[in-house]
Amino acid sequence: MKATGIVRRIDDLGRVVIPKEIRRTMRIREGDPLEIYTDNDGEVIFKKYSPIGELSAFSGQFAEILSKAVSCPVIVCDRDHVISVSGMPKKEVLERRVSASLEEMMEQRKSYIYESDSQRKLQPIEGVDRYALVQYPIIAAGDVCGAIMMFSGENGGYCTEIENKLIQTAAAFLGKQLEE
């Protein structure tokens, strides 16, 4: 943990304001849920809560099965980071931040399908050169919780209607799992 040098007081209602610079850096938006942790040293730690993070083991198995079925890497992410990956080295992408373009697509509840070389490629993960072939947001109880996507293989490629429907169905299924 590192100190920021920022000190804030608790108001009469027990609230404390998280400075704008920290909210921007940590991508904390209005309405985002935060988990509160305490330790024996008297520290209070706020951590962004990720509902889909609760399903990381399940989504990992789901991504593995999907990846084998479509012979392409499959990635599941929450609104900020990669949660599960299958079909490519985990240390290459696990826990990496999603790109601003993917974050914007999720915010707008948009899906993405790569169809031609003239189309702009979506690079959904910061620092990873591969691009998404298809991406769908995961929506639970009316809120976007993350996204699931199929990545390009070693030699690039396109996705078929079947693969598109599989990823779309996977997003709907994970959303349903989050609602239960």
C-alpha atoms as a PDB file:
ATOM      1  CA  MET A   1       0.000   0.000   0.000  1.00  0.00           C
ATOM      2  CA  LYS A   2       1.326   3.457  -0.802  1.00  0.00           C
ATOM      3  CA  ALA A   3       0.469   6.777   0.821  1.00  0.00           C
ATOM      4  CA  THR A   4      -1.012   9.511  -1.354  1.00  0.00           C
ATOM      5  CA  GLY A   5      -0.438  12.389   1.050  1.00  0.00           C
ATOM      6  CA  ILE A   6      -4.125  13.302   0.824  1.00  0.00           C
ATOM      7  CA  VAL A   7      -5.985  13.655   4.128  1.00  0.00           C
ATOM      8  CA  ARG A   8      -9.774  13.933   4.333  1.00  0.00           C
ATOM      9  CA  ARG A   9     -12.069  14.320   7.341  1.00  0.00           C
ATOM     10  CA  ILE A  10     -15.230  12.324   7.996  1.00  0.00           C
ATOM     11  CA  ASP A  11     -18.322  14.561   7.950  1.00  0.00           C
ATOM     12  CA  ASP A  12     -21.161  14.527  10.511  1.00  0.00           C
ATOM     13  CA  LEU A  13     -22.975  11.805   8.518  1.00  0.00           C
ATOM     14  CA  GLY A  14     -19.924   9.506   8.558  1.00  0.00           C
ATOM     15  CA  ARG A  15     -18.952  10.129   4.929  1.00  0.00           C
ATOM     16  CA  VAL A  16     -15.536  10.685   3.447  1.00  0.00           C
ATOM     17  CA  VAL A  17     -14.862  11.978  -0.067  1.00  0.00           C
ATOM     18  CA  ILE A  18     -12.509   9.998  -2.279  1.00  0.00           C
ATOM     19  CA  PRO A  19     -10.491  12.613  -4.207  1.00  0.00           C
ATOM     20  CA  LYS A  20     -11.201  13.018  -7.908  1.00  0.00           C
ATOM     21  CA  GLU A  21      -7.608  12.158  -8.888  1.00  0.00           C
ATOM     22  CA  ILE A  22      -7.829   8.800  -7.099  1.00  0.00           C
ATOM     23  CA  ARG A  23     -11.292   8.067  -8.541  1.00  0.00           C
ATOM     24  CA  ARG A  24      -9.996   8.796 -12.045  1.00  0.00           C
ATOM     25  CA  THR A  25      -6.804   6.741 -11.608  1.00  0.00           C
ATOM     26  CA  MET A  26      -8.652   3.783 -10.097  1.00  0.00           C
ATOM     27  CA  ARG A  27     -11.585   4.150 -12.551  1.00  0.00           C
ATOM     28  CA  ILE A  28     -14.117   4.541  -9.749  1.00  0.00           C
ATOM     29  CA  ARG A  29     -17.335   5.986 -11.128  1.00  0.00           C
ATOM     30  CA  GLU A  30     -20.393   7.322  -9.369  1.00  0.00           C
ATOM     31  CA  GLY A  31     -22.519   4.396  -8.227  1.00  0.00           C
ATOM     32  CA  ASP A  32     -19.653   1.847  -8.292  1.00  0.00           C
ATOM     33  CA  PRO A  33     -19.827  -0.584  -5.371  1.00  0.00           C
ATOM     34  CA  LEU A  34     -16.824  -0.643  -3.016  1.00  0.00           C
ATOM     35  CA  GLU A  35     -15.917  -3.417  -0.570  1.00  0.00           C
ATOM     36  CA  ILE A  36     -14.585  -2.299   2.807  1.00  0.00           C
ATOM     37  CA  TYR A  37     -11.835  -4.261   4.535  1.00  0.00           C
ATOM     38  CA  THR A  38     -10.228  -3.668   7.910  1.00  0.00           C
ATOM     39  CA  ASP A  39      -7.145  -5.145   9.517  1.00  0.00           C
ATOM     40  CA  ASN A  40      -5.707  -5.426  13.013  1.00  0.00           C
ATOM     41  CA  ASP A  41      -3.468  -2.379  12.496  1.00  0.00           C
ATOM     42  CA  GLY A  42      -6.513  -0.109  12.220  1.00  0.00           C
ATOM     43  CA  GLU A  43      -6.352   0.256   8.459  1.00  0.00           C
ATOM     44  CA  VAL A  44      -9.542   0.650   6.424  1.00  0.00           C
ATOM     45  CA  ILE A  45      -9.199  -0.435   2.798  1.00  0.00           C
ATOM     46  CA  PHE A  46     -11.672   0.278   0.017  1.00  0.00           C
ATOM     47  CA  LYS A  47     -11.617  -2.092  -2.933  1.00  0.00           C
ATOM     48  CA  LYS A  48     -13.756  -1.950  -6.052  1.00  0.00           C
ATOM     49  CA  TYR A  49     -16.298  -4.740  -5.845  1.00  0.00           C
ATOM     50  CA  SER A  50     -16.557  -6.966  -8.895  1.00  0.00           C
ATOM     51  CA  PRO A  51     -19.667  -9.171  -8.969  1.00  0.00           C
ATOM     52  CA  ILE A  52     -18.189 -11.182 -11.828  1.00  0.00           C
ATOM     53  CA  GLY A  53     -14.998 -11.628  -9.793  1.00  0.00           C
ATOM     54  CA  GLU A  54     -17.088 -13.804  -7.460  1.00  0.00           C
ATOM     55  CA  LEU A  55     -17.542 -16.174 -10.412  1.00  0.00           C
ATOM     56  CA  SER A  56     -13.871 -16.259 -11.476  1.00  0.00           C
ATOM     57  CA  ALA A  57     -13.445 -20.033 -10.988  1.00  0.00           C
ATOM     58  CA  PHE A  58     -16.743 -20.738 -12.758  1.00  0.00           C
ATOM     59  CA  SER A  59     -16.065 -18.278 -15.577  1.00  0.00           C
ATOM     60  CA  GLY A  60     -12.580 -19.774 -15.984  1.00  0.00           C
ATOM     61  CA  GLN A  61     -14.029 -23.233 -16.554  1.00  0.00           C
ATOM     62  CA  PHE A  62     -16.663 -21.778 -18.859  1.00  0.00           C
ATOM     63  CA  ALA A  63     -13.987 -19.924 -20.877  1.00  0.00           C
ATOM     64  CA  GLU A  64     -11.928 -23.116 -21.133  1.00  0.00           C
ATOM     65  CA  ILE A  65     -14.826 -25.120 -22.579  1.00  0.00           C
ATOM     66  CA  LEU A  66     -15.730 -22.329 -25.007  1.00  0.00           C
ATOM     67  CA  SER A  67     -12.109 -21.908 -26.086  1.00  0.00           C
ATOM     68  CA  LYS A  68     -11.815 -25.597 -26.897  1.00  0.00           C
ATOM     69  CA  ALA A  69     -15.119 -25.529 -28.813  1.00  0.00           C
ATOM     70  CA  VAL A  70     -14.159 -22.557 -31.020  1.00  0.00           C
ATOM     71  CA  SER A  71     -10.362 -23.143 -31.123  1.00  0.00           C
ATOM     72  CA  CYS A  72      -9.683 -19.501 -30.184  1.00  0.00           C
ATOM     73  CA  PRO A  73      -8.765 -17.767 -26.935  1.00  0.00           C
ATOM     74  CA  VAL A  74     -11.728 -16.701 -24.781  1.00  0.00           C
ATOM     75  CA  ILE A  75     -11.481 -13.972 -22.144  1.00  0.00           C
ATOM     76  CA  VAL A  76     -13.899 -12.847 -19.435  1.00  0.00           C
ATOM     77  CA  CYS A  77     -13.404  -9.472 -17.773  1.00  0.00           C
ATOM     78  CA  ASP A  78     -15.179  -7.263 -15.292  1.00  0.00           C
ATOM     79  CA  ARG A  79     -15.457  -3.550 -16.022  1.00  0.00           C
ATOM     80  CA  ASP A  80     -11.773  -2.975 -15.242  1.00  0.00           C
ATOM     81  CA  HIS A  81      -9.640  -6.135 -15.392  1.00  0.00           C
ATOM     82  CA  VAL A  82      -9.358  -9.560 -16.995  1.00  0.00           C
ATOM     83  CA  ILE A  83     -10.926 -12.168 -14.684  1.00  0.00           C
ATOM     84  CA  SER A  84     -10.570 -15.418 -16.666  1.00  0.00           C
ATOM     85  CA  VAL A  85      -8.672 -16.536 -19.741  1.00  0.00           C
ATOM     86  CA  SER A  86      -8.341 -19.731 -21.733  1.00  0.00           C
ATOM     87  CA  GLY A  87      -6.518 -20.523 -24.956  1.00  0.00           C
ATOM     88  CA  MET A  88      -3.527 -18.236 -24.373  1.00  0.00           C
ATOM     89  CA  PRO A  89      -0.925 -17.838 -21.594  1.00  0.00           C
ATOM     90  CA  LYS A  90      -2.684 -16.691 -18.418  1.00  0.00           C
ATOM     91  CA  LYS A  91       0.204 -14.554 -17.184  1.00  0.00           C
ATOM     92  CA  GLU A  92       0.074 -12.630 -20.459  1.00  0.00           C
ATOM     93  CA  VAL A  93      -3.429 -11.262 -19.770  1.00  0.00           C
ATOM     94  CA  LEU A  94      -4.804 -12.206 -16.324  1.00  0.00           C
ATOM     95  CA  GLU A  95      -5.429  -9.144 -14.103  1.00  0.00           C
ATOM     96  CA  ARG A  96      -4.519  -6.722 -16.917  1.00  0.00           C
ATOM     97  CA  ARG A  97      -6.626  -3.611 -17.352  1.00  0.00           C
ATOM     98  CA  VAL A  98      -9.189  -3.391 -20.112  1.00  0.00           C
ATOM     99  CA  SER A  99      -8.621  -0.734 -22.763  1.00  0.00           C
ATOM    100  CA  ALA A 100     -10.492   2.563 -22.806  1.00  0.00           C
ATOM    101  CA  SER A 101     -12.243   1.486 -26.034  1.00  0.00           C
ATOM    102  CA  LEU A 102     -13.607  -1.704 -24.423  1.00  0.00           C
ATOM    103  CA  GLU A 103     -14.584   0.220 -21.303  1.00  0.00           C
ATOM    104  CA  GLU A 104     -16.538   2.670 -23.481  1.00  0.00           C
ATOM    105  CA  MET A 105     -18.246  -0.182 -25.381  1.00  0.00           C
ATOM    106  CA  MET A 106     -19.325  -1.783 -22.102  1.00  0.00           C
ATOM    107  CA  GLU A 107     -20.568   1.569 -20.796  1.00  0.00           C
ATOM    108  CA  GLN A 108     -22.709   1.935 -23.942  1.00  0.00           C
ATOM    109  CA  ARG A 109     -23.755  -1.764 -23.825  1.00  0.00           C
ATOM    110  CA  LYS A 110     -22.394  -2.313 -27.329  1.00  0.00           C
ATOM    111  CA  SER A 111     -21.193  -5.575 -28.791  1.00  0.00           C
ATOM    112  CA  TYR A 112     -18.416  -5.891 -31.354  1.00  0.00           C
ATOM    113  CA  ILE A 113     -17.899  -8.253 -34.287  1.00  0.00           C
ATOM    114  CA  TYR A 114     -14.776  -8.081 -36.463  1.00  0.00           C
ATOM    115  CA  GLU A 115     -15.925  -8.554 -40.047  1.00  0.00           C
ATOM    116  CA  SER A 116     -13.354  -7.086 -42.464  1.00  0.00           C
ATOM    117  CA  ASP A 117      -9.780  -5.850 -42.710  1.00  0.00           C
ATOM    118  CA  SER A 118     -11.012  -2.321 -43.408  1.00  0.00           C
ATOM    119  CA  GLN A 119     -12.740  -2.227 -40.005  1.00  0.00           C
ATOM    120  CA  ARG A 120     -10.940  -0.815 -36.969  1.00  0.00           C
ATOM    121  CA  LYS A 121      -9.699  -3.669 -34.782  1.00  0.00           C
ATOM    122  CA  LEU A 122     -10.703  -3.709 -31.115  1.00  0.00           C
ATOM    123  CA  GLN A 123      -7.714  -4.259 -28.827  1.00  0.00           C
ATOM    124  CA  PRO A 124      -9.607  -4.798 -25.584  1.00  0.00           C
ATOM    125  CA  ILE A 125      -6.698  -5.314 -23.167  1.00  0.00           C
ATOM    126  CA  GLU A 126      -3.931  -2.831 -22.464  1.00  0.00           C
ATOM    127  CA  GLY A 127      -0.515  -4.118 -23.486  1.00  0.00           C
ATOM    128  CA  VAL A 128      -1.815  -7.118 -25.470  1.00  0.00           C
ATOM    129  CA  ASP A 129      -1.393  -7.018 -29.249  1.00  0.00           C
ATOM    130  CA  ARG A 130      -4.153  -9.468 -30.142  1.00  0.00           C
ATOM    131  CA  TYR A 131      -7.532  -8.151 -31.162  1.00  0.00           C
ATOM    132  CA  ALA A 132     -11.089  -9.272 -30.396  1.00  0.00           C
ATOM    133  CA  LEU A 133     -13.068 -11.172 -33.007  1.00  0.00           C
ATOM    134  CA  VAL A 134     -16.317 -10.842 -31.087  1.00  0.00           C
ATOM    135  CA  GLN A 135     -17.261  -9.185 -27.778  1.00  0.00           C
ATOM    136  CA  TYR A 136     -20.521  -9.002 -25.840  1.00  0.00           C
ATOM    137  CA  PRO A 137     -21.206  -7.192 -22.575  1.00  0.00           C
ATOM    138  CA  ILE A 138     -22.317  -9.245 -19.565  1.00  0.00           C
ATOM    139  CA  ILE A 139     -25.472  -7.674 -18.133  1.00  0.00           C
ATOM    140  CA  ALA A 140     -26.998  -8.684 -14.798  1.00  0.00           C
ATOM    141  CA  ALA A 141     -30.021  -7.048 -13.188  1.00  0.00           C
ATOM    142  CA  GLY A 142     -29.843  -4.243 -15.756  1.00  0.00           C
ATOM    143  CA  ASP A 143     -26.196  -3.354 -15.003  1.00  0.00           C
ATOM    144  CA  VAL A 144     -23.144  -4.042 -17.137  1.00  0.00           C
ATOM    145  CA  CYS A 145     -20.797  -6.205 -15.053  1.00  0.00           C
ATOM    146  CA  GLY A 146     -18.165  -7.029 -17.655  1.00  0.00           C
ATOM    147  CA  ALA A 147     -17.659  -8.617 -21.049  1.00  0.00           C
ATOM    148  CA  ILE A 148     -16.797 -11.922 -22.680  1.00  0.00           C
ATOM    149  CA  MET A 149     -14.847 -12.056 -25.899  1.00  0.00           C
ATOM    150  CA  MET A 150     -13.190 -14.358 -28.345  1.00  0.00           C
ATOM    151  CA  PHE A 151      -9.695 -13.297 -29.411  1.00  0.00           C
ATOM    152  CA  SER A 152      -7.862 -13.695 -32.672  1.00  0.00           C
ATOM    153  CA  GLY A 153      -5.731 -16.799 -32.929  1.00  0.00           C
ATOM    154  CA  GLU A 154      -2.025 -16.824 -33.746  1.00  0.00           C
ATOM    155  CA  ASN A 155      -2.778 -16.128 -37.422  1.00  0.00           C
ATOM    156  CA  GLY A 156      -5.625 -13.642 -36.983  1.00  0.00           C
ATOM    157  CA  GLY A 157      -8.986 -14.653 -38.368  1.00  0.00           C
ATOM    158  CA  TYR A 158     -12.685 -13.935 -38.400  1.00  0.00           C
ATOM    159  CA  CYS A 159     -15.616 -15.393 -36.516  1.00  0.00           C
ATOM    160  CA  THR A 160     -18.561 -17.231 -37.971  1.00  0.00           C
ATOM    161  CA  GLU A 161     -22.208 -16.691 -37.075  1.00  0.00           C
ATOM    162  CA  ILE A 162     -21.999 -19.771 -34.824  1.00  0.00           C
ATOM    163  CA  GLU A 163     -19.084 -18.354 -32.810  1.00  0.00           C
ATOM    164  CA  ASN A 164     -20.867 -15.008 -32.589  1.00  0.00           C
ATOM    165  CA  LYS A 165     -23.985 -16.704 -31.181  1.00  0.00           C
ATOM    166  CA  LEU A 166     -21.879 -18.780 -28.761  1.00  0.00           C
ATOM    167  CA  ILE A 167     -20.257 -15.679 -27.243  1.00  0.00           C
ATOM    168  CA  GLN A 168     -23.629 -13.877 -27.160  1.00  0.00           C
ATOM    169  CA  THR A 169     -25.178 -16.868 -25.359  1.00  0.00           C
ATOM    170  CA  ALA A 170     -22.207 -17.054 -22.981  1.00  0.00           C
ATOM    171  CA  ALA A 171     -22.675 -13.381 -22.035  1.00  0.00           C
ATOM    172  CA  ALA A 172     -26.376 -13.967 -21.346  1.00  0.00           C
ATOM    173  CA  PHE A 173     -25.621 -17.125 -19.342  1.00  0.00           C
ATOM    174  CA  LEU A 174     -22.985 -15.426 -17.155  1.00  0.00           C
ATOM    175  CA  GLY A 175     -25.377 -12.524 -16.597  1.00  0.00           C
ATOM    176  CA  LYS A 176     -28.044 -14.975 -15.402  1.00  0.00           C
ATOM    177  CA  GLN A 177     -25.523 -16.635 -13.056  1.00  0.00           C
ATOM    178  CA  LEU A 178     -24.773 -13.258 -11.488  1.00  0.00           C
ATOM    179  CA  GLU A 179     -28.463 -12.623 -10.878  1.00  0.00           C
ATOM    180  CA  GLU A 180     -28.867 -15.830  -8.847  1.00  0.00           C
END
